[in-house]
PDB file of all heavy atoms in Angstrom:
ATOM      1  N   GLU A   1      20.698  -9.872  28.288  1.00  0.00           N
ATOM      2  CA  GLU A   1      21.027 -10.378  29.636  1.00  0.00           C
ATOM      3  C   GLU A   1      22.294  -9.686  30.167  1.00  0.00           C
ATOM      4  O   GLU A   1      23.354  -9.757  29.534  1.00  0.00           O
ATOM      5  CB  GLU A   1      21.172 -11.881  29.607  1.00  0.00           C
ATOM      6  CG  GLU A   1      21.521 -12.502  30.955  1.00  0.00           C
ATOM      7  CD  GLU A   1      21.855 -13.938  30.841  1.00  0.00           C
ATOM      8  OE1 GLU A   1      21.897 -14.494  29.705  1.00  0.00           O
ATOM      9  OE2 GLU A   1      22.058 -14.614  31.886  1.00  0.00           O
ATOM     10  N   ILE A   2      22.198  -9.005  31.312  1.00  0.00           N
ATOM     11  CA  ILE A   2      23.341  -8.452  31.955  1.00  0.00           C
ATOM     12  C   ILE A   2      23.943  -9.556  32.853  1.00  0.00           C
ATOM     13  O   ILE A   2      23.379  -9.961  33.858  1.00  0.00           O
ATOM     14  CB  ILE A   2      22.990  -7.222  32.795  1.00  0.00           C
ATOM     15  CG1 ILE A   2      22.409  -6.163  31.888  1.00  0.00           C
ATOM     16  CG2 ILE A   2      24.202  -6.678  33.533  1.00  0.00           C
ATOM     17  CD1 ILE A   2      21.844  -4.901  32.630  1.00  0.00           C
ATOM     18  N   VAL A   3      25.168 -10.034  32.469  1.00  0.00           N
ATOM     19  CA  VAL A   3      25.782 -11.196  33.160  1.00  0.00           C
ATOM     20  C   VAL A   3      26.765 -10.756  34.212  1.00  0.00           C
ATOM     21  O   VAL A   3      27.296 -11.576  34.931  1.00  0.00           O
ATOM     22  CB  VAL A   3      26.378 -12.146  32.187  1.00  0.00           C
ATOM     23  CG1 VAL A   3      25.340 -12.796  31.269  1.00  0.00           C
ATOM     24  CG2 VAL A   3      27.457 -11.509  31.330  1.00  0.00           C
ATOM     25  N   GLY A   4      27.115  -9.419  34.270  1.00  0.00           N
ATOM     26  CA  GLY A   4      28.068  -8.937  35.265  1.00  0.00           C
ATOM     27  C   GLY A   4      28.118  -7.433  35.244  1.00  0.00           C
ATOM     28  O   GLY A   4      27.957  -6.774  34.217  1.00  0.00           O
ATOM     29  N   VAL A   5      28.319  -6.862  36.480  1.00  0.00           N
ATOM     30  CA  VAL A   5      28.465  -5.410  36.587  1.00  0.00           C
ATOM     31  C   VAL A   5      29.722  -5.128  37.453  1.00  0.00           C
ATOM     32  O   VAL A   5      29.874  -5.708  38.507  1.00  0.00           O
ATOM     33  CB  VAL A   5      27.205  -4.827  37.277  1.00  0.00           C
ATOM     34  CG1 VAL A   5      27.421  -3.293  37.471  1.00  0.00           C
ATOM     35  CG2 VAL A   5      25.961  -5.130  36.481  1.00  0.00           C
ATOM     36  N   ALA A   6      30.550  -4.257  36.981  1.00  0.00           N
ATOM     37  CA  ALA A   6      31.776  -3.888  37.682  1.00  0.00           C
ATOM     38  C   ALA A   6      31.900  -2.400  37.845  1.00  0.00           C
ATOM     39  O   ALA A   6      31.352  -1.617  37.037  1.00  0.00           O
ATOM     40  CB  ALA A   6      33.016  -4.453  36.892  1.00  0.00           C
ATOM     41  N   ASP A   7      32.649  -1.940  38.861  1.00  0.00           N
ATOM     42  CA  ASP A   7      32.835  -0.498  39.041  1.00  0.00           C
ATOM     43  C   ASP A   7      34.244  -0.024  38.727  1.00  0.00           C
ATOM     44  O   ASP A   7      34.622   1.071  39.046  1.00  0.00           O
ATOM     45  CB  ASP A   7      32.374  -0.075  40.472  1.00  0.00           C
ATOM     46  CG  ASP A   7      33.149  -0.795  41.579  1.00  0.00           C
ATOM     47  OD1 ASP A   7      34.163  -1.490  41.215  1.00  0.00           O
ATOM     48  OD2 ASP A   7      32.695  -0.730  42.712  1.00  0.00           O
ATOM     49  N   ASP A   8      35.042  -0.877  38.146  1.00  0.00           N
ATOM     50  CA  ASP A   8      36.335  -0.450  37.587  1.00  0.00           C
ATOM     51  C   ASP A   8      36.773  -1.420  36.522  1.00  0.00           C
ATOM     52  O   ASP A   8      36.196  -2.501  36.358  1.00  0.00           O
ATOM     53  CB  ASP A   8      37.368  -0.362  38.747  1.00  0.00           C
ATOM     54  CG  ASP A   8      37.631  -1.621  39.460  1.00  0.00           C
ATOM     55  OD1 ASP A   8      37.931  -2.609  38.770  1.00  0.00           O
ATOM     56  OD2 ASP A   8      37.573  -1.667  40.662  1.00  0.00           O
ATOM     57  N   GLY A   9      37.876  -1.031  35.832  1.00  0.00           N
ATOM     58  CA  GLY A   9      38.354  -1.889  34.718  1.00  0.00           C
ATOM     59  C   GLY A   9      38.941  -3.202  35.139  1.00  0.00           C
ATOM     60  O   GLY A   9      38.837  -4.162  34.392  1.00  0.00           O
ATOM     61  N   ILE A  10      39.556  -3.288  36.288  1.00  0.00           N
ATOM     62  CA  ILE A  10      40.120  -4.536  36.784  1.00  0.00           C
ATOM     63  C   ILE A  10      39.081  -5.552  36.997  1.00  0.00           C
ATOM     64  O   ILE A  10      39.156  -6.708  36.529  1.00  0.00           O
ATOM     65  CB  ILE A  10      40.955  -4.324  38.050  1.00  0.00           C
ATOM     66  CG1 ILE A  10      42.163  -3.376  37.731  1.00  0.00           C
ATOM     67  CG2 ILE A  10      41.464  -5.602  38.636  1.00  0.00           C
ATOM     68  CD1 ILE A  10      42.948  -2.922  38.997  1.00  0.00           C
ATOM     69  N   GLU A  11      38.024  -5.173  37.712  1.00  0.00           N
ATOM     70  CA  GLU A  11      36.900  -6.099  37.978  1.00  0.00           C
ATOM     71  C   GLU A  11      36.164  -6.376  36.680  1.00  0.00           C
ATOM     72  O   GLU A  11      35.726  -7.543  36.456  1.00  0.00           O
ATOM     73  CB  GLU A  11      35.908  -5.457  38.969  1.00  0.00           C
ATOM     74  CG  GLU A  11      34.832  -6.407  39.441  1.00  0.00           C
ATOM     75  CD  GLU A  11      33.822  -5.759  40.380  1.00  0.00           C
ATOM     76  OE1 GLU A  11      34.031  -4.588  40.754  1.00  0.00           O
ATOM     77  OE2 GLU A  11      32.821  -6.430  40.670  1.00  0.00           O
ATOM     78  N   GLY A  12      36.077  -5.374  35.805  1.00  0.00           N
ATOM     79  CA  GLY A  12      35.412  -5.605  34.490  1.00  0.00           C
ATOM     80  C   GLY A  12      36.193  -6.655  33.701  1.00  0.00           C
ATOM     81  O   GLY A  12      35.566  -7.566  33.090  1.00  0.00           O
ATOM     82  N   LEU A  13      37.502  -6.579  33.686  1.00  0.00           N
ATOM     83  CA  LEU A  13      38.328  -7.571  32.961  1.00  0.00           C
ATOM     84  C   LEU A  13      38.102  -8.975  33.527  1.00  0.00           C
ATOM     85  O   LEU A  13      37.922  -9.930  32.739  1.00  0.00           O
ATOM     86  CB  LEU A  13      39.788  -7.143  33.037  1.00  0.00           C
ATOM     87  CG  LEU A  13      40.778  -8.138  32.406  1.00  0.00           C
ATOM     88  CD1 LEU A  13      40.501  -8.262  30.878  1.00  0.00           C
ATOM     89  CD2 LEU A  13      42.210  -7.697  32.663  1.00  0.00           C
ATOM     90  N   GLU A  14      38.066  -9.073  34.852  1.00  0.00           N
ATOM     91  CA  GLU A  14      37.892 -10.397  35.449  1.00  0.00           C
ATOM     92  C   GLU A  14      36.470 -10.982  35.055  1.00  0.00           C
ATOM     93  O   GLU A  14      36.373 -12.169  34.791  1.00  0.00           O
ATOM     94  CB  GLU A  14      37.949 -10.246  36.977  1.00  0.00           C
ATOM     95  CG  GLU A  14      39.327  -9.947  37.507  1.00  0.00           C
ATOM     96  CD  GLU A  14      39.348  -9.687  38.952  1.00  0.00           C
ATOM     97  OE1 GLU A  14      38.242  -9.610  39.587  1.00  0.00           O
ATOM     98  OE2 GLU A  14      40.489  -9.538  39.571  1.00  0.00           O
ATOM     99  N   LEU A  15      35.473 -10.119  35.064  1.00  0.00           N
ATOM    100  CA  LEU A  15      34.161 -10.550  34.667  1.00  0.00           C
ATOM    101  C   LEU A  15      34.055 -10.998  33.212  1.00  0.00           C
ATOM    102  O   LEU A  15      33.439 -12.021  32.871  1.00  0.00           O
ATOM    103  CB  LEU A  15      33.086  -9.471  34.905  1.00  0.00           C
ATOM    104  CG  LEU A  15      32.647  -9.255  36.330  1.00  0.00           C
ATOM    105  CD1 LEU A  15      31.788  -7.959  36.458  1.00  0.00           C
ATOM    106  CD2 LEU A  15      31.852 -10.447  36.819  1.00  0.00           C
ATOM    107  N   VAL A  16      34.735 -10.238  32.306  1.00  0.00           N
ATOM    108  CA  VAL A  16      34.755 -10.599  30.889  1.00  0.00           C
ATOM    109  C   VAL A  16      35.407 -11.971  30.735  1.00  0.00           C
ATOM    110  O   VAL A  16      34.955 -12.862  29.956  1.00  0.00           O
ATOM    111  CB  VAL A  16      35.465  -9.534  30.070  1.00  0.00           C
ATOM    112  CG1 VAL A  16      35.693 -10.021  28.655  1.00  0.00           C
ATOM    113  CG2 VAL A  16      34.607  -8.267  30.041  1.00  0.00           C
ATOM    114  N   LEU A  17      36.563 -12.185  31.375  1.00  0.00           N
ATOM    115  CA  LEU A  17      37.301 -13.463  31.228  1.00  0.00           C
ATOM    116  C   LEU A  17      36.449 -14.599  31.806  1.00  0.00           C
ATOM    117  O   LEU A  17      36.519 -15.717  31.248  1.00  0.00           O
ATOM    118  CB  LEU A  17      38.627 -13.358  31.979  1.00  0.00           C
ATOM    119  CG  LEU A  17      39.631 -12.371  31.429  1.00  0.00           C
ATOM    120  CD1 LEU A  17      40.892 -12.343  32.294  1.00  0.00           C
ATOM    121  CD2 LEU A  17      39.990 -12.660  29.947  1.00  0.00           C
ATOM    122  N   LYS A  18      35.678 -14.348  32.857  1.00  0.00           N
ATOM    123  CA  LYS A  18      34.885 -15.393  33.501  1.00  0.00           C
ATOM    124  C   LYS A  18      33.609 -15.677  32.758  1.00  0.00           C
ATOM    125  O   LYS A  18      33.258 -16.829  32.503  1.00  0.00           O
ATOM    126  CB  LYS A  18      34.593 -15.013  34.936  1.00  0.00           C
ATOM    127  CG  LYS A  18      33.753 -16.019  35.684  1.00  0.00           C
ATOM    128  CD  LYS A  18      33.451 -15.518  37.083  1.00  0.00           C
ATOM    129  CE  LYS A  18      32.541 -16.518  37.833  1.00  0.00           C
ATOM    130  NZ  LYS A  18      32.169 -16.016  39.205  1.00  0.00           N
ATOM    131  N   MET A  19      32.840 -14.606  32.385  1.00  0.00           N
ATOM    132  CA  MET A  19      31.474 -14.787  31.900  1.00  0.00           C
ATOM    133  C   MET A  19      31.452 -14.910  30.329  1.00  0.00           C
ATOM    134  O   MET A  19      30.467 -15.376  29.768  1.00  0.00           O
ATOM    135  CB  MET A  19      30.607 -13.594  32.326  1.00  0.00           C
ATOM    136  CG  MET A  19      30.514 -13.357  33.769  1.00  0.00           C
ATOM    137  SD  MET A  19      30.033 -14.803  34.698  1.00  0.00           S
ATOM    138  CE  MET A  19      28.373 -15.084  34.049  1.00  0.00           C
ATOM    139  N   LYS A  20      32.586 -14.459  29.677  1.00  0.00           N
ATOM    140  CA  LYS A  20      32.621 -14.546  28.166  1.00  0.00           C
ATOM    141  C   LYS A  20      31.370 -13.949  27.537  1.00  0.00           C
ATOM    142  O   LYS A  20      30.632 -14.663  26.813  1.00  0.00           O
ATOM    143  CB  LYS A  20      32.842 -15.991  27.733  1.00  0.00           C
ATOM    144  CG  LYS A  20      34.140 -16.558  28.209  1.00  0.00           C
ATOM    145  CD  LYS A  20      34.311 -17.984  27.747  1.00  0.00           C
ATOM    146  CE  LYS A  20      35.730 -18.512  28.068  1.00  0.00           C
ATOM    147  NZ  LYS A  20      36.026 -18.470  29.515  1.00  0.00           N
ATOM    148  N   PRO A  21      31.135 -12.646  27.783  1.00  0.00           N
ATOM    149  CA  PRO A  21      29.867 -12.047  27.231  1.00  0.00           C
ATOM    150  C   PRO A  21      30.070 -11.736  25.719  1.00  0.00           C
ATOM    151  O   PRO A  21      31.131 -11.899  25.138  1.00  0.00           O
ATOM    152  CB  PRO A  21      29.810 -10.719  27.996  1.00  0.00           C
ATOM    153  CG  PRO A  21      31.283 -10.396  28.250  1.00  0.00           C
ATOM    154  CD  PRO A  21      31.929 -11.706  28.496  1.00  0.00           C
ATOM    155  N   ASP A  22      28.936 -11.358  25.127  1.00  0.00           N
ATOM    156  CA  ASP A  22      29.003 -10.931  23.725  1.00  0.00           C
ATOM    157  C   ASP A  22      29.446  -9.489  23.612  1.00  0.00           C
ATOM    158  O   ASP A  22      30.081  -9.062  22.633  1.00  0.00           O
ATOM    159  CB  ASP A  22      27.576 -11.049  23.093  1.00  0.00           C
ATOM    160  CG  ASP A  22      27.034 -12.450  23.138  1.00  0.00           C
ATOM    161  OD1 ASP A  22      27.687 -13.335  22.643  1.00  0.00           O
ATOM    162  OD2 ASP A  22      25.908 -12.613  23.730  1.00  0.00           O
ATOM    163  N   LEU A  23      29.136  -8.624  24.640  1.00  0.00           N
ATOM    164  CA  LEU A  23      29.397  -7.231  24.608  1.00  0.00           C
ATOM    165  C   LEU A  23      29.854  -6.742  25.985  1.00  0.00           C
ATOM    166  O   LEU A  23      29.298  -7.160  27.001  1.00  0.00           O
ATOM    167  CB  LEU A  23      28.116  -6.500  24.185  1.00  0.00           C
ATOM    168  CG  LEU A  23      28.134  -4.938  24.324  1.00  0.00           C
ATOM    169  CD1 LEU A  23      29.113  -4.325  23.395  1.00  0.00           C
ATOM    170  CD2 LEU A  23      26.690  -4.412  24.126  1.00  0.00           C
ATOM    171  N   VAL A  24      30.815  -5.796  26.011  1.00  0.00           N
ATOM    172  CA  VAL A  24      31.188  -5.143  27.226  1.00  0.00           C
ATOM    173  C   VAL A  24      30.959  -3.635  27.020  1.00  0.00           C
ATOM    174  O   VAL A  24      31.353  -3.056  25.984  1.00  0.00           O
ATOM    175  CB  VAL A  24      32.660  -5.367  27.635  1.00  0.00           C
ATOM    176  CG1 VAL A  24      33.629  -5.023  26.537  1.00  0.00           C
ATOM    177  CG2 VAL A  24      32.988  -4.603  28.947  1.00  0.00           C
ATOM    178  N   ILE A  25      30.194  -3.036  27.918  1.00  0.00           N
ATOM    179  CA  ILE A  25      29.939  -1.543  27.881  1.00  0.00           C
ATOM    180  C   ILE A  25      30.753  -0.999  29.013  1.00  0.00           C
ATOM    181  O   ILE A  25      30.624  -1.363  30.170  1.00  0.00           O
ATOM    182  CB  ILE A  25      28.453  -1.281  28.121  1.00  0.00           C
ATOM    183  CG1 ILE A  25      27.584  -1.944  26.994  1.00  0.00           C
ATOM    184  CG2 ILE A  25      28.221   0.209  28.128  1.00  0.00           C
ATOM    185  CD1 ILE A  25      26.080  -1.876  27.269  1.00  0.00           C
ATOM    186  N   SER A  26      31.641  -0.065  28.670  1.00  0.00           N
ATOM    187  CA  SER A  26      32.596   0.453  29.632  1.00  0.00           C
ATOM    188  C   SER A  26      32.755   1.965  29.568  1.00  0.00           C
ATOM    189  O   SER A  26      32.776   2.533  28.430  1.00  0.00           O
ATOM    190  CB  SER A  26      33.944  -0.204  29.505  1.00  0.00           C
ATOM    191  OG  SER A  26      34.955   0.351  30.277  1.00  0.00           O
ATOM    192  N   ASP A  27      32.900   2.596  30.732  1.00  0.00           N
ATOM    193  CA  ASP A  27      33.293   3.976  30.741  1.00  0.00           C
ATOM    194  C   ASP A  27      34.723   4.075  30.256  1.00  0.00           C
ATOM    195  O   ASP A  27      35.542   3.147  30.469  1.00  0.00           O
ATOM    196  CB  ASP A  27      33.215   4.528  32.170  1.00  0.00           C
ATOM    197  CG  ASP A  27      33.268   6.037  32.225  1.00  0.00           C
ATOM    198  OD1 ASP A  27      33.582   6.621  31.213  1.00  0.00           O
ATOM    199  OD2 ASP A  27      32.929   6.613  33.255  1.00  0.00           O
ATOM    200  N   ILE A  28      35.054   5.142  29.537  1.00  0.00           N
ATOM    201  CA  ILE A  28      36.446   5.238  28.976  1.00  0.00           C
ATOM    202  C   ILE A  28      37.457   5.537  30.042  1.00  0.00           C
ATOM    203  O   ILE A  28      38.623   5.179  29.904  1.00  0.00           O
ATOM    204  CB  ILE A  28      36.421   6.294  27.846  1.00  0.00           C
ATOM    205  CG1 ILE A  28      37.604   6.057  26.919  1.00  0.00           C
ATOM    206  CG2 ILE A  28      36.421   7.713  28.389  1.00  0.00           C
ATOM    207  CD1 ILE A  28      37.520   6.797  25.608  1.00  0.00           C
ATOM    208  N   LYS A  29      37.045   6.257  31.130  1.00  0.00           N
ATOM    209  CA  LYS A  29      37.957   6.613  32.209  1.00  0.00           C
ATOM    210  C   LYS A  29      37.434   6.052  33.488  1.00  0.00           C
ATOM    211  O   LYS A  29      36.345   6.409  33.932  1.00  0.00           O
ATOM    212  CB  LYS A  29      38.151   8.112  32.289  1.00  0.00           C
ATOM    213  CG  LYS A  29      39.078   8.690  31.225  1.00  0.00           C
ATOM    214  CD  LYS A  29      39.470  10.113  31.499  1.00  0.00           C
ATOM    215  CE  LYS A  29      40.534  10.637  30.491  1.00  0.00           C
ATOM    216  NZ  LYS A  29      40.884  12.002  30.794  1.00  0.00           N
ATOM    217  N   MET A  30      38.312   5.211  34.123  1.00  0.00           N
ATOM    218  CA  MET A  30      37.925   4.599  35.403  1.00  0.00           C
ATOM    219  C   MET A  30      39.231   4.476  36.237  1.00  0.00           C
ATOM    220  O   MET A  30      40.343   4.407  35.681  1.00  0.00           O
ATOM    221  CB  MET A  30      37.283   3.266  35.215  1.00  0.00           C
ATOM    222  CG  MET A  30      35.951   3.227  34.616  1.00  0.00           C
ATOM    223  SD  MET A  30      35.228   1.566  34.442  1.00  0.00           S
ATOM    224  CE  MET A  30      36.327   0.818  33.207  1.00  0.00           C
ATOM    225  N   PRO A  31      39.110   4.464  37.551  1.00  0.00           N
ATOM    226  CA  PRO A  31      40.316   4.258  38.379  1.00  0.00           C
ATOM    227  C   PRO A  31      40.918   2.891  38.231  1.00  0.00           C
ATOM    228  O   PRO A  31      40.202   1.941  37.876  1.00  0.00           O
ATOM    229  CB  PRO A  31      39.781   4.469  39.810  1.00  0.00           C
ATOM    230  CG  PRO A  31      38.308   4.154  39.721  1.00  0.00           C
ATOM    231  CD  PRO A  31      37.892   4.608  38.375  1.00  0.00           C
ATOM    232  N   GLY A  32      42.187   2.804  38.456  1.00  0.00           N
ATOM    233  CA  GLY A  32      42.884   1.462  38.376  1.00  0.00           C
ATOM    234  C   GLY A  32      43.232   1.107  36.943  1.00  0.00           C
ATOM    235  O   GLY A  32      44.350   1.150  36.523  1.00  0.00           O
ATOM    236  N   LEU A  33      42.219   0.729  36.207  1.00  0.00           N
ATOM    237  CA  LEU A  33      42.376   0.306  34.813  1.00  0.00           C
ATOM    238  C   LEU A  33      41.195   0.919  34.042  1.00  0.00           C
ATOM    239  O   LEU A  33      40.064   0.657  34.295  1.00  0.00           O
ATOM    240  CB  LEU A  33      42.310  -1.203  34.676  1.00  0.00           C
ATOM    241  CG  LEU A  33      42.534  -1.775  33.273  1.00  0.00           C
ATOM    242  CD1 LEU A  33      43.924  -1.483  32.740  1.00  0.00           C
ATOM    243  CD2 LEU A  33      42.249  -3.282  33.251  1.00  0.00           C
ATOM    244  N   ASP A  34      41.520   1.842  33.077  1.00  0.00           N
ATOM    245  CA  ASP A  34      40.438   2.533  32.363  1.00  0.00           C
ATOM    246  C   ASP A  34      39.891   1.603  31.254  1.00  0.00           C
ATOM    247  O   ASP A  34      40.358   0.508  31.048  1.00  0.00           O
ATOM    248  CB  ASP A  34      40.943   3.844  31.780  1.00  0.00           C
ATOM    249  CG  ASP A  34      42.037   3.705  30.719  1.00  0.00           C
ATOM    250  OD1 ASP A  34      42.156   2.579  30.187  1.00  0.00           O
ATOM    251  OD2 ASP A  34      42.743   4.702  30.433  1.00  0.00           O
TER     252      ASP A  34
END
């Protein structure tokens, strides 16, 4: 189940804190927060 999709690390962090997923898949380099 994909519980959240973000286009940068800041939004990704917010989603992880909110959704508490089992796994985060992230690009290593992104604007703002990699």
